[in-house]
Amino acid sequence: MKYGILINEGPFTHQASDTAYHFTKAAIEKGHRVMRVFFYHDGVYNANALSEPQSDDRNIVKLWGDLAKEHKIDLVVCVAAGLRRGIKDQVLAEGFRISGLGQLTEIGMAADRLITFGD
């Protein structure tokens, strides 16, 4: 099965990003394909290279980047949502790219399922 993932919540105030990460990882381990993860609304904070979690906390930004690199997952940050929140190319973490809502529409049509995490 081909999945598209939509994340609407930030990494440090809600569980949505962690749940999406673990779902994505499990889907890949089961042999499914995750074509794209699209970060929208506060979800764009998942791509902020300037975030520095405590040393005893997980680094979800790095986890997403590592997963994408290992499994060739397209991590897309919504340009409009990102700009409203100060997320631009200069602060983008490795493995992420900025693009428009057309990427969300495209994955919605190409994937078998588009799964949303967060409000």
PDB file of N, CA and C in Angstrom:
ATOM      1  N   MET A   1       0.841  -1.170   0.000  1.00  0.00           N
ATOM      2  CA  MET A   1       0.000   0.000   0.000  1.00  0.00           C
ATOM      3  C   MET A   1       0.894   1.244   0.000  1.00  0.00           C
ATOM      4  N   LYS A   2       0.454   2.275  -0.693  1.00  0.00           N
ATOM      5  CA  LYS A   2       1.180   3.545  -0.751  1.00  0.00           C
ATOM      6  C   LYS A   2       0.472   4.548   0.161  1.00  0.00           C
ATOM      7  N   TYR A   3       1.258   5.139   1.065  1.00  0.00           N
ATOM      8  CA  TYR A   3       0.710   6.097   2.018  1.00  0.00           C
ATOM      9  C   TYR A   3       1.235   7.498   1.778  1.00  0.00           C
ATOM     10  N   GLY A   4       0.409   8.464   2.058  1.00  0.00           N
ATOM     11  CA  GLY A   4       0.795   9.852   2.211  1.00  0.00           C
ATOM     12  C   GLY A   4       0.473  10.227   3.643  1.00  0.00           C
ATOM     13  N   ILE A   5       1.320  11.026   4.250  1.00  0.00           N
ATOM     14  CA  ILE A   5       1.144  11.415   5.653  1.00  0.00           C
ATOM     15  C   ILE A   5       1.038  12.932   5.718  1.00  0.00           C
ATOM     16  N   LEU A   6       0.072  13.424   6.483  1.00  0.00           N
ATOM     17  CA  LEU A   6      -0.111  14.852   6.720  1.00  0.00           C
ATOM     18  C   LEU A   6       0.007  15.102   8.216  1.00  0.00           C
ATOM     19  N   ILE A   7       0.924  16.007   8.591  1.00  0.00           N
ATOM     20  CA  ILE A   7       1.134  16.338  10.003  1.00  0.00           C
ATOM     21  C   ILE A   7       0.798  17.808  10.215  1.00  0.00           C
ATOM     22  N   ASN A   8      -0.143  18.054  11.123  1.00  0.00           N
ATOM     23  CA  ASN A   8      -0.627  19.411  11.380  1.00  0.00           C
ATOM     24  C   ASN A   8      -0.207  19.978  12.729  1.00  0.00           C
ATOM     25  N   GLU A   9       0.513  19.233  13.535  1.00  0.00           N
ATOM     26  CA  GLU A   9       0.879  19.670  14.886  1.00  0.00           C
ATOM     27  C   GLU A   9       2.388  19.723  15.061  1.00  0.00           C
ATOM     28  N   GLY A  10       2.830  20.602  15.933  1.00  0.00           N
ATOM     29  CA  GLY A  10       4.250  20.746  16.225  1.00  0.00           C
ATOM     30  C   GLY A  10       4.789  19.573  17.032  1.00  0.00           C
ATOM     31  N   PRO A  11       6.100  19.461  17.112  1.00  0.00           N
ATOM     32  CA  PRO A  11       6.715  18.293  17.737  1.00  0.00           C
ATOM     33  C   PRO A  11       6.774  18.305  19.260  1.00  0.00           C
ATOM     34  N   PHE A  12       6.537  19.442  19.901  1.00  0.00           N
ATOM     35  CA  PHE A  12       6.764  19.502  21.343  1.00  0.00           C
ATOM     36  C   PHE A  12       5.534  19.849  22.163  1.00  0.00           C
ATOM     37  N   THR A  13       4.380  20.022  21.521  1.00  0.00           N
ATOM     38  CA  THR A  13       3.178  20.356  22.275  1.00  0.00           C
ATOM     39  C   THR A  13       2.088  19.303  22.144  1.00  0.00           C
ATOM     40  N   HIS A  14       2.202  18.434  21.168  1.00  0.00           N
ATOM     41  CA  HIS A  14       1.200  17.399  20.926  1.00  0.00           C
ATOM     42  C   HIS A  14       1.886  16.092  20.581  1.00  0.00           C
ATOM     43  N   GLN A  15       1.144  15.017  20.626  1.00  0.00           N
ATOM     44  CA  GLN A  15       1.664  13.685  20.337  1.00  0.00           C
ATOM     45  C   GLN A  15       1.641  13.350  18.847  1.00  0.00           C
ATOM     46  N   ALA A  16       0.985  14.180  18.044  1.00  0.00           N
ATOM     47  CA  ALA A  16       0.743  13.853  16.639  1.00  0.00           C
ATOM     48  C   ALA A  16       2.016  13.533  15.856  1.00  0.00           C
ATOM     49  N   SER A  17       3.066  14.315  16.039  1.00  0.00           N
ATOM     50  CA  SER A  17       4.294  14.091  15.282  1.00  0.00           C
ATOM     51  C   SER A  17       4.942  12.762  15.642  1.00  0.00           C
ATOM     52  N   ASP A  18       4.988  12.453  16.930  1.00  0.00           N
ATOM     53  CA  ASP A  18       5.559  11.176  17.362  1.00  0.00           C
ATOM     54  C   ASP A  18       4.732  10.001  16.840  1.00  0.00           C
ATOM     55  N   THR A  19       3.429  10.127  16.932  1.00  0.00           N
ATOM     56  CA  THR A  19       2.551   9.063  16.440  1.00  0.00           C
ATOM     57  C   THR A  19       2.738   8.874  14.934  1.00  0.00           C
ATOM     58  N   ALA A  20       2.807   9.977  14.198  1.00  0.00           N
ATOM     59  CA  ALA A  20       3.024   9.907  12.745  1.00  0.00           C
ATOM     60  C   ALA A  20       4.363   9.254  12.436  1.00  0.00           C
ATOM     61  N   TYR A  21       5.394   9.626  13.180  1.00  0.00           N
ATOM     62  CA  TYR A  21       6.722   9.049  12.965  1.00  0.00           C
ATOM     63  C   TYR A  21       6.685   7.535  13.174  1.00  0.00           C
ATOM     64  N   HIS A  22       6.105   7.108  14.292  1.00  0.00           N
ATOM     65  CA  HIS A  22       6.069   5.675  14.592  1.00  0.00           C
ATOM     66  C   HIS A  22       5.172   4.909  13.614  1.00  0.00           C
ATOM     67  N   PHE A  23       4.077   5.530  13.188  1.00  0.00           N
ATOM     68  CA  PHE A  23       3.240   4.909  12.163  1.00  0.00           C
ATOM     69  C   PHE A  23       4.024   4.735  10.864  1.00  0.00           C
ATOM     70  N   THR A  24       4.714   5.794  10.449  1.00  0.00           N
ATOM     71  CA  THR A  24       5.490   5.757   9.209  1.00  0.00           C
ATOM     72  C   THR A  24       6.558   4.674   9.262  1.00  0.00           C
ATOM     73  N   LYS A  25       7.272   4.630  10.365  1.00  0.00           N
ATOM     74  CA  LYS A  25       8.326   3.634  10.541  1.00  0.00           C
ATOM     75  C   LYS A  25       7.752   2.212  10.506  1.00  0.00           C
ATOM     76  N   ALA A  26       6.633   2.006  11.195  1.00  0.00           N
ATOM     77  CA  ALA A  26       6.003   0.678  11.219  1.00  0.00           C
ATOM     78  C   ALA A  26       5.480   0.285   9.844  1.00  0.00           C
ATOM     79  N   ALA A  27       4.899   1.233   9.132  1.00  0.00           N
ATOM     80  CA  ALA A  27       4.391   0.940   7.788  1.00  0.00           C
ATOM     81  C   ALA A  27       5.520   0.486   6.874  1.00  0.00           C
ATOM     82  N   ILE A  28       6.647   1.168   6.947  1.00  0.00           N
ATOM     83  CA  ILE A  28       7.806   0.803   6.121  1.00  0.00           C
ATOM     84  C   ILE A  28       8.302  -0.593   6.499  1.00  0.00           C
ATOM     85  N   GLU A  29       8.373  -0.860   7.810  1.00  0.00           N
ATOM     86  CA  GLU A  29       8.842  -2.164   8.273  1.00  0.00           C
ATOM     87  C   GLU A  29       7.918  -3.292   7.813  1.00  0.00           C
ATOM     88  N   LYS A  30       6.642  -2.983   7.607  1.00  0.00           N
ATOM     89  CA  LYS A  30       5.669  -3.979   7.134  1.00  0.00           C
ATOM     90  C   LYS A  30       5.657  -4.094   5.605  1.00  0.00           C
ATOM     91  N   GLY A  31       6.517  -3.332   4.938  1.00  0.00           N
ATOM     92  CA  GLY A  31       6.626  -3.442   3.494  1.00  0.00           C
ATOM     93  C   GLY A  31       5.804  -2.440   2.697  1.00  0.00           C
ATOM     94  N   HIS A  32       5.163  -1.511   3.376  1.00  0.00           N
ATOM     95  CA  HIS A  32       4.397  -0.477   2.679  1.00  0.00           C
ATOM     96  C   HIS A  32       5.327   0.655   2.244  1.00  0.00           C
ATOM     97  N   ARG A  33       4.837   1.481   1.359  1.00  0.00           N
ATOM     98  CA  ARG A  33       5.625   2.609   0.871  1.00  0.00           C
ATOM     99  C   ARG A  33       5.010   3.914   1.377  1.00  0.00           C
ATOM    100  N   VAL A  34       5.824   4.741   2.001  1.00  0.00           N
ATOM    101  CA  VAL A  34       5.396   6.083   2.393  1.00  0.00           C
ATOM    102  C   VAL A  34       5.997   7.029   1.372  1.00  0.00           C
ATOM    103  N   MET A  35       5.139   7.595   0.552  1.00  0.00           N
ATOM    104  CA  MET A  35       5.585   8.404  -0.576  1.00  0.00           C
ATOM    105  C   MET A  35       5.998   9.811  -0.163  1.00  0.00           C
ATOM    106  N   ARG A  36       5.246  10.392   0.743  1.00  0.00           N
ATOM    107  CA  ARG A  36       5.532  11.772   1.139  1.00  0.00           C
ATOM    108  C   ARG A  36       4.940  12.030   2.519  1.00  0.00           C
ATOM    109  N   VAL A  37       5.653  12.850   3.294  1.00  0.00           N
ATOM    110  CA  VAL A  37       5.126  13.389   4.540  1.00  0.00           C
ATOM    111  C   VAL A  37       5.026  14.892   4.336  1.00  0.00           C
ATOM    112  N   PHE A  38       3.828  15.415   4.503  1.00  0.00           N
ATOM    113  CA  PHE A  38       3.579  16.844   4.288  1.00  0.00           C
ATOM    114  C   PHE A  38       3.321  17.500   5.638  1.00  0.00           C
ATOM    115  N   PHE A  39       4.096  18.534   5.939  1.00  0.00           N
ATOM    116  CA  PHE A  39       4.003  19.253   7.207  1.00  0.00           C
ATOM    117  C   PHE A  39       3.256  20.554   6.978  1.00  0.00           C
ATOM    118  N   TYR A  40       2.143  20.724   7.694  1.00  0.00           N
ATOM    119  CA  TYR A  40       1.233  21.851   7.479  1.00  0.00           C
ATOM    120  C   TYR A  40       0.871  22.466   8.834  1.00  0.00           C
ATOM    121  N   HIS A  41       0.363  23.665   8.834  1.00  0.00           N
ATOM    122  CA  HIS A  41       0.026  24.403  10.060  1.00  0.00           C
ATOM    123  C   HIS A  41       1.233  24.357  11.015  1.00  0.00           C
ATOM    124  N   ASP A  42       1.010  24.078  12.299  1.00  0.00           N
ATOM    125  CA  ASP A  42       2.138  24.024  13.241  1.00  0.00           C
ATOM    126  C   ASP A  42       3.050  22.830  12.996  1.00  0.00           C
ATOM    127  N   GLY A  43       2.647  21.919  12.140  1.00  0.00           N
ATOM    128  CA  GLY A  43       3.487  20.784  11.797  1.00  0.00           C
ATOM    129  C   GLY A  43       4.805  21.191  11.151  1.00  0.00           C
ATOM    130  N   VAL A  44       4.854  22.409  10.605  1.00  0.00           N
ATOM    131  CA  VAL A  44       6.097  22.877   9.978  1.00  0.00           C
ATOM    132  C   VAL A  44       7.240  22.977  10.978  1.00  0.00           C
ATOM    133  N   TYR A  45       6.918  23.097  12.273  1.00  0.00           N
ATOM    134  CA  TYR A  45       7.974  23.161  13.285  1.00  0.00           C
ATOM    135  C   TYR A  45       8.782  21.875  13.368  1.00  0.00           C
ATOM    136  N   ASN A  46       8.274  20.792  12.817  1.00  0.00           N
ATOM    137  CA  ASN A  46       9.021  19.534  12.775  1.00  0.00           C
ATOM    138  C   ASN A  46      10.259  19.635  11.899  1.00  0.00           C
ATOM    139  N   ALA A  47      10.351  20.663  11.079  1.00  0.00           N
ATOM    140  CA  ALA A  47      11.467  20.824  10.143  1.00  0.00           C
ATOM    141  C   ALA A  47      12.473  21.875  10.590  1.00  0.00           C
ATOM    142  N   ASN A  48      12.326  22.398  11.788  1.00  0.00           N
ATOM    143  CA  ASN A  48      13.170  23.494  12.265  1.00  0.00           C
ATOM    144  C   ASN A  48      14.517  22.976  12.774  1.00  0.00           C
ATOM    145  N   ALA A  49      15.570  23.253  12.031  1.00  0.00           N
ATOM    146  CA  ALA A  49      16.912  22.812  12.412  1.00  0.00           C
ATOM    147  C   ALA A  49      17.415  23.519  13.670  1.00  0.00           C
ATOM    148  N   LEU A  50      16.802  24.625  14.045  1.00  0.00           N
ATOM    149  CA  LEU A  50      17.230  25.377  15.216  1.00  0.00           C
ATOM    150  C   LEU A  50      16.670  24.836  16.522  1.00  0.00           C
ATOM    151  N   SER A  51      15.740  23.897  16.451  1.00  0.00           N
ATOM    152  CA  SER A  51      15.183  23.339  17.688  1.00  0.00           C
ATOM    153  C   SER A  51      16.237  22.477  18.371  1.00  0.00           C
ATOM    154  N   GLU A  52      16.321  22.623  19.683  1.00  0.00           N
ATOM    155  CA  GLU A  52      17.294  21.866  20.470  1.00  0.00           C
ATOM    156  C   GLU A  52      16.595  21.247  21.666  1.00  0.00           C
ATOM    157  N   PRO A  53      16.104  20.018  21.510  1.00  0.00           N
ATOM    158  CA  PRO A  53      15.443  19.369  22.649  1.00  0.00           C
ATOM    159  C   PRO A  53      16.459  19.064  23.745  1.00  0.00           C
ATOM    160  N   GLN A  54      15.938  18.860  24.936  1.00  0.00           N
ATOM    161  CA  GLN A  54      16.808  18.505  26.061  1.00  0.00           C
ATOM    162  C   GLN A  54      17.571  17.228  25.739  1.00  0.00           C
ATOM    163  N   SER A  55      18.703  17.052  26.381  1.00  0.00           N
ATOM    164  CA  SER A  55      19.554  15.899  26.066  1.00  0.00           C
ATOM    165  C   SER A  55      18.870  14.567  26.371  1.00  0.00           C
ATOM    166  N   ASP A  56      17.914  14.560  27.290  1.00  0.00           N
ATOM    167  CA  ASP A  56      17.225  13.309  27.619  1.00  0.00           C
ATOM    168  C   ASP A  56      15.904  13.142  26.860  1.00  0.00           C
ATOM    169  N   ASP A  57      15.647  14.028  25.900  1.00  0.00           N
ATOM    170  CA  ASP A  57      14.419  13.980  25.109  1.00  0.00           C
ATOM    171  C   ASP A  57      14.752  13.511  23.697  1.00  0.00           C
ATOM    172  N   ARG A  58      13.777  12.965  22.998  1.00  0.00           N
ATOM    173  CA  ARG A  58      14.004  12.534  21.618  1.00  0.00           C
ATOM    174  C   ARG A  58      14.113  13.766  20.722  1.00  0.00           C
ATOM    175  N   ASN A  59      14.876  13.634  19.651  1.00  0.00           N
ATOM    176  CA  ASN A  59      15.033  14.726  18.683  1.00  0.00           C
ATOM    177  C   ASN A  59      14.222  14.353  17.450  1.00  0.00           C
ATOM    178  N   ILE A  60      12.936  14.706  17.467  1.00  0.00           N
ATOM    179  CA  ILE A  60      12.018  14.283  16.410  1.00  0.00           C
ATOM    180  C   ILE A  60      12.404  14.864  15.056  1.00  0.00           C
ATOM    181  N   VAL A  61      13.002  16.050  15.053  1.00  0.00           N
ATOM    182  CA  VAL A  61      13.430  16.657  13.786  1.00  0.00           C
ATOM    183  C   VAL A  61      14.494  15.778  13.136  1.00  0.00           C
ATOM    184  N   LYS A  62      15.462  15.353  13.911  1.00  0.00           N
ATOM    185  CA  LYS A  62      16.521  14.479  13.398  1.00  0.00           C
ATOM    186  C   LYS A  62      15.973  13.102  13.030  1.00  0.00           C
ATOM    187  N   LEU A  63      15.055  12.593  13.836  1.00  0.00           N
ATOM    188  CA  LEU A  63      14.468  11.284  13.539  1.00  0.00           C
ATOM    189  C   LEU A  63      13.770  11.286  12.180  1.00  0.00           C
ATOM    190  N   TRP A  64      13.000  12.355  11.905  1.00  0.00           N
ATOM    191  CA  TRP A  64      12.339  12.461  10.598  1.00  0.00           C
ATOM    192  C   TRP A  64      13.373  12.510   9.468  1.00  0.00           C
ATOM    193  N   GLY A  65      14.404  13.329   9.647  1.00  0.00           N
ATOM    194  CA  GLY A  65      15.436  13.447   8.615  1.00  0.00           C
ATOM    195  C   GLY A  65      16.151  12.138   8.351  1.00  0.00           C
ATOM    196  N   ASP A  66      16.478  11.423   9.421  1.00  0.00           N
ATOM    197  CA  ASP A  66      17.163  10.130   9.270  1.00  0.00           C
ATOM    198  C   ASP A  66      16.281   9.103   8.579  1.00  0.00           C
ATOM    199  N   LEU A  67      15.001   9.059   8.969  1.00  0.00           N
ATOM    200  CA  LEU A  67      14.067   8.114   8.352  1.00  0.00           C
ATOM    201  C   LEU A  67      13.902   8.407   6.860  1.00  0.00           C
ATOM    202  N   ALA A  68      13.787   9.681   6.541  1.00  0.00           N
ATOM    203  CA  ALA A  68      13.626  10.081   5.134  1.00  0.00           C
ATOM    204  C   ALA A  68      14.845   9.696   4.310  1.00  0.00           C
ATOM    205  N   LYS A  69      16.007   9.924   4.870  1.00  0.00           N
ATOM    206  CA  LYS A  69      17.239   9.601   4.148  1.00  0.00           C
ATOM    207  C   LYS A  69      17.368   8.096   3.923  1.00  0.00           C
ATOM    208  N   GLU A  70      17.083   7.337   4.955  1.00  0.00           N
ATOM    209  CA  GLU A  70      17.235   5.885   4.873  1.00  0.00           C
ATOM    210  C   GLU A  70      16.239   5.248   3.902  1.00  0.00           C
ATOM    211  N   HIS A  71      15.021   5.800   3.838  1.00  0.00           N
ATOM    212  CA  HIS A  71      13.967   5.165   3.043  1.00  0.00           C
ATOM    213  C   HIS A  71      13.481   6.020   1.875  1.00  0.00           C
ATOM    214  N   LYS A  72      14.216   7.075   1.582  1.00  0.00           N
ATOM    215  CA  LYS A  72      13.894   7.953   0.436  1.00  0.00           C
ATOM    216  C   LYS A  72      12.451   8.475   0.501  1.00  0.00           C
ATOM    217  N   ILE A  73      12.105   9.053   1.659  1.00  0.00           N
ATOM    218  CA  ILE A  73      10.784   9.640   1.859  1.00  0.00           C
ATOM    219  C   ILE A  73      10.885  11.134   1.593  1.00  0.00           C
ATOM    220  N   ASP A  74       9.940  11.657   0.866  1.00  0.00           N
ATOM    221  CA  ASP A  74       9.878  13.076   0.543  1.00  0.00           C
ATOM    222  C   ASP A  74       9.239  13.819   1.720  1.00  0.00           C
ATOM    223  N   LEU A  75      10.010  14.652   2.420  1.00  0.00           N
ATOM    224  CA  LEU A  75       9.504  15.460   3.530  1.00  0.00           C
ATOM    225  C   LEU A  75       9.273  16.872   3.024  1.00  0.00           C
ATOM    226  N   VAL A  76       8.019  17.280   2.945  1.00  0.00           N
ATOM    227  CA  VAL A  76       7.659  18.571   2.359  1.00  0.00           C
ATOM    228  C   VAL A  76       7.031  19.471   3.409  1.00  0.00           C
ATOM    229  N   VAL A  77       7.546  20.681   3.501  1.00  0.00           N
ATOM    230  CA  VAL A  77       7.033  21.703   4.409  1.00  0.00           C
ATOM    231  C   VAL A  77       6.233  22.709   3.592  1.00  0.00           C
ATOM    232  N   CYS A  78       5.012  22.996   4.013  1.00  0.00           N
ATOM    233  CA  CYS A  78       4.177  23.969   3.313  1.00  0.00           C
ATOM    234  C   CYS A  78       4.818  25.351   3.386  1.00  0.00           C
ATOM    235  N   VAL A  79       5.032  25.971   2.247  1.00  0.00           N
ATOM    236  CA  VAL A  79       5.709  27.257   2.186  1.00  0.00           C
ATOM    237  C   VAL A  79       4.922  28.342   2.916  1.00  0.00           C
ATOM    238  N   ALA A  80       3.625  28.418   2.717  1.00  0.00           N
ATOM    239  CA  ALA A  80       2.830  29.475   3.353  1.00  0.00           C
ATOM    240  C   ALA A  80       2.793  29.302   4.869  1.00  0.00           C
ATOM    241  N   ALA A  81       2.542  28.092   5.333  1.00  0.00           N
ATOM    242  CA  ALA A  81       2.514  27.833   6.771  1.00  0.00           C
ATOM    243  C   ALA A  81       3.895  28.055   7.385  1.00  0.00           C
ATOM    244  N   GLY A  82       4.932  27.665   6.653  1.00  0.00           N
ATOM    245  CA  GLY A  82       6.294  27.846   7.134  1.00  0.00           C
ATOM    246  C   GLY A  82       6.664  29.311   7.274  1.00  0.00           C
ATOM    247  N   LEU A  83       6.379  30.098   6.259  1.00  0.00           N
ATOM    248  CA  LEU A  83       6.725  31.520   6.311  1.00  0.00           C
ATOM    249  C   LEU A  83       6.008  32.230   7.446  1.00  0.00           C
ATOM    250  N   ARG A  84       4.744  31.867   7.697  1.00  0.00           N
ATOM    251  CA  ARG A  84       4.003  32.475   8.810  1.00  0.00           C
ATOM    252  C   ARG A  84       4.649  32.168  10.152  1.00  0.00           C
ATOM    253  N   ARG A  85       5.416  31.081  10.208  1.00  0.00           N
ATOM    254  CA  ARG A  85       6.019  30.641  11.468  1.00  0.00           C
ATOM    255  C   ARG A  85       7.540  30.771  11.476  1.00  0.00           C
ATOM    256  N   GLY A  86       8.093  31.442  10.487  1.00  0.00           N
ATOM    257  CA  GLY A  86       9.533  31.674  10.449  1.00  0.00           C
ATOM    258  C   GLY A  86      10.350  30.495   9.955  1.00  0.00           C
ATOM    259  N   ILE A  87       9.713  29.534   9.344  1.00  0.00           N
ATOM    260  CA  ILE A  87      10.426  28.371   8.806  1.00  0.00           C
ATOM    261  C   ILE A  87      10.688  28.631   7.325  1.00  0.00           C
ATOM    262  N   LYS A  88      11.939  28.885   6.996  1.00  0.00           N
ATOM    263  CA  LYS A  88      12.346  29.093   5.610  1.00  0.00           C
ATOM    264  C   LYS A  88      13.605  28.277   5.344  1.00  0.00           C
ATOM    265  N   ASP A  89      14.104  28.355   4.139  1.00  0.00           N
ATOM    266  CA  ASP A  89      15.255  27.527   3.747  1.00  0.00           C
ATOM    267  C   ASP A  89      16.423  27.622   4.730  1.00  0.00           C
ATOM    268  N   GLN A  90      16.663  28.807   5.278  1.00  0.00           N
ATOM    269  CA  GLN A  90      17.817  29.010   6.152  1.00  0.00           C
ATOM    270  C   GLN A  90      17.736  28.219   7.458  1.00  0.00           C
ATOM    271  N   VAL A  91      16.545  27.838   7.888  1.00  0.00           N
ATOM    272  CA  VAL A  91      16.402  27.104   9.151  1.00  0.00           C
ATOM    273  C   VAL A  91      15.855  25.691   8.936  1.00  0.00           C
ATOM    274  N   LEU A  92      15.815  25.257   7.701  1.00  0.00           N
ATOM    275  CA  LEU A  92      15.257  23.947   7.375  1.00  0.00           C
ATOM    276  C   LEU A  92      16.247  22.841   7.740  1.00  0.00           C
ATOM    277  N   ALA A  93      15.765  21.850   8.454  1.00  0.00           N
ATOM    278  CA  ALA A  93      16.614  20.720   8.836  1.00  0.00           C
ATOM    279  C   ALA A  93      16.927  19.851   7.622  1.00  0.00           C
ATOM    280  N   GLU A  94      17.983  19.082   7.734  1.00  0.00           N
ATOM    281  CA  GLU A  94      18.403  18.197   6.647  1.00  0.00           C
ATOM    282  C   GLU A  94      17.301  17.185   6.342  1.00  0.00           C
ATOM    283  N   GLY A  95      17.054  16.983   5.060  1.00  0.00           N
ATOM    284  CA  GLY A  95      16.066  16.012   4.625  1.00  0.00           C
ATOM    285  C   GLY A  95      14.710  16.604   4.284  1.00  0.00           C
ATOM    286  N   PHE A  96      14.484  17.858   4.676  1.00  0.00           N
ATOM    287  CA  PHE A  96      13.211  18.525   4.417  1.00  0.00           C
ATOM    288  C   PHE A  96      13.353  19.476   3.235  1.00  0.00           C
ATOM    289  N   ARG A  97      12.233  19.742   2.574  1.00  0.00           N
ATOM    290  CA  ARG A  97      12.206  20.751   1.522  1.00  0.00           C
ATOM    291  C   ARG A  97      10.917  21.547   1.626  1.00  0.00           C
ATOM    292  N   ILE A  98      10.937  22.749   1.103  1.00  0.00           N
ATOM    293  CA  ILE A  98       9.767  23.625   1.133  1.00  0.00           C
ATOM    294  C   ILE A  98       9.078  23.599  -0.228  1.00  0.00           C
ATOM    295  N   SER A  99       7.758  23.505  -0.196  1.00  0.00           N
ATOM    296  CA  SER A  99       6.980  23.548  -1.427  1.00  0.00           C
ATOM    297  C   SER A  99       5.553  23.967  -1.081  1.00  0.00           C
ATOM    298  N   GLY A 100       4.680  23.961  -2.076  1.00  0.00           N
ATOM    299  CA  GLY A 100       3.323  24.445  -1.887  1.00  0.00           C
ATOM    300  C   GLY A 100       2.303  23.341  -1.655  1.00  0.00           C
ATOM    301  N   LEU A 101       1.059  23.781  -1.497  1.00  0.00           N
ATOM    302  CA  LEU A 101      -0.041  22.854  -1.248  1.00  0.00           C
ATOM    303  C   LEU A 101      -0.298  21.893  -2.402  1.00  0.00           C
ATOM    304  N   GLY A 102       0.219  22.226  -3.572  1.00  0.00           N
ATOM    305  CA  GLY A 102       0.093  21.310  -4.703  1.00  0.00           C
ATOM    306  C   GLY A 102       0.697  19.951  -4.393  1.00  0.00           C
ATOM    307  N   GLN A 103       1.743  19.934  -3.557  1.00  0.00           N
ATOM    308  CA  GLN A 103       2.386  18.667  -3.170  1.00  0.00           C
ATOM    309  C   GLN A 103       1.451  17.821  -2.317  1.00  0.00           C
ATOM    310  N   LEU A 104       0.624  18.482  -1.501  1.00  0.00           N
ATOM    311  CA  LEU A 104      -0.359  17.761  -0.693  1.00  0.00           C
ATOM    312  C   LEU A 104      -1.453  17.197  -1.593  1.00  0.00           C
ATOM    313  N   THR A 105      -1.925  18.007  -2.520  1.00  0.00           N
ATOM    314  CA  THR A 105      -2.944  17.545  -3.462  1.00  0.00           C
ATOM    315  C   THR A 105      -2.432  16.363  -4.270  1.00  0.00           C
ATOM    316  N   GLU A 106      -1.204  16.480  -4.739  1.00  0.00           N
ATOM    317  CA  GLU A 106      -0.606  15.415  -5.547  1.00  0.00           C
ATOM    318  C   GLU A 106      -0.519  14.098  -4.784  1.00  0.00           C
ATOM    319  N   ILE A 107      -0.067  14.157  -3.539  1.00  0.00           N
ATOM    320  CA  ILE A 107       0.072  12.916  -2.778  1.00  0.00           C
ATOM    321  C   ILE A 107      -1.294  12.351  -2.420  1.00  0.00           C
ATOM    322  N   GLY A 108      -2.276  13.236  -2.230  1.00  0.00           N
ATOM    323  CA  GLY A 108      -3.631  12.772  -1.969  1.00  0.00           C
ATOM    324  C   GLY A 108      -4.194  11.974  -3.124  1.00  0.00           C
ATOM    325  N   MET A 109      -3.808  12.332  -4.326  1.00  0.00           N
ATOM    326  CA  MET A 109      -4.279  11.613  -5.512  1.00  0.00           C
ATOM    327  C   MET A 109      -3.439  10.370  -5.803  1.00  0.00           C
ATOM    328  N   ALA A 110      -2.146  10.414  -5.511  1.00  0.00           N
ATOM    329  CA  ALA A 110      -1.245   9.312  -5.873  1.00  0.00           C
ATOM    330  C   ALA A 110      -1.231   8.177  -4.851  1.00  0.00           C
ATOM    331  N   ALA A 111      -1.444   8.501  -3.597  1.00  0.00           N
ATOM    332  CA  ALA A 111      -1.371   7.484  -2.546  1.00  0.00           C
ATOM    333  C   ALA A 111      -2.680   6.704  -2.453  1.00  0.00           C
ATOM    334  N   ASP A 112      -2.585   5.492  -1.930  1.00  0.00           N
ATOM    335  CA  ASP A 112      -3.785   4.707  -1.650  1.00  0.00           C
ATOM    336  C   ASP A 112      -4.534   5.287  -0.450  1.00  0.00           C
ATOM    337  N   ARG A 113      -3.777   5.816   0.510  1.00  0.00           N
ATOM    338  CA  ARG A 113      -4.355   6.396   1.708  1.00  0.00           C
ATOM    339  C   ARG A 113      -3.562   7.647   2.090  1.00  0.00           C
ATOM    340  N   LEU A 114      -4.264   8.692   2.474  1.00  0.00           N
ATOM    341  CA  LEU A 114      -3.650   9.892   3.054  1.00  0.00           C
ATOM    342  C   LEU A 114      -4.099   9.936   4.505  1.00  0.00           C
ATOM    343  N   ILE A 115      -3.150   9.827   5.407  1.00  0.00           N
ATOM    344  CA  ILE A 115      -3.464   9.769   6.825  1.00  0.00           C
ATOM    345  C   ILE A 115      -3.035  11.073   7.492  1.00  0.00           C
ATOM    346  N   THR A 116      -3.952  11.658   8.248  1.00  0.00           N
ATOM    347  CA  THR A 116      -3.721  12.949   8.903  1.00  0.00           C
ATOM    348  C   THR A 116      -3.462  12.744  10.389  1.00  0.00           C
ATOM    349  N   PHE A 117      -2.437  13.435  10.892  1.00  0.00           N
ATOM    350  CA  PHE A 117      -2.112  13.421  12.317  1.00  0.00           C
ATOM    351  C   PHE A 117      -2.206  14.836  12.847  1.00  0.00           C
ATOM    352  N   GLY A 118      -3.040  15.048  13.837  1.00  0.00           N
ATOM    353  CA  GLY A 118      -3.243  16.370  14.429  1.00  0.00           C
ATOM    354  C   GLY A 118      -4.447  17.058  13.815  1.00  0.00           C
ATOM    355  N   ASP A 119      -4.900  18.103  14.500  1.00  0.00           N
ATOM    356  CA  ASP A 119      -6.099  18.829  14.065  1.00  0.00           C
ATOM    357  C   ASP A 119      -5.900  19.565  12.773  1.00  0.00           C
TER     358      ASP A 119
END
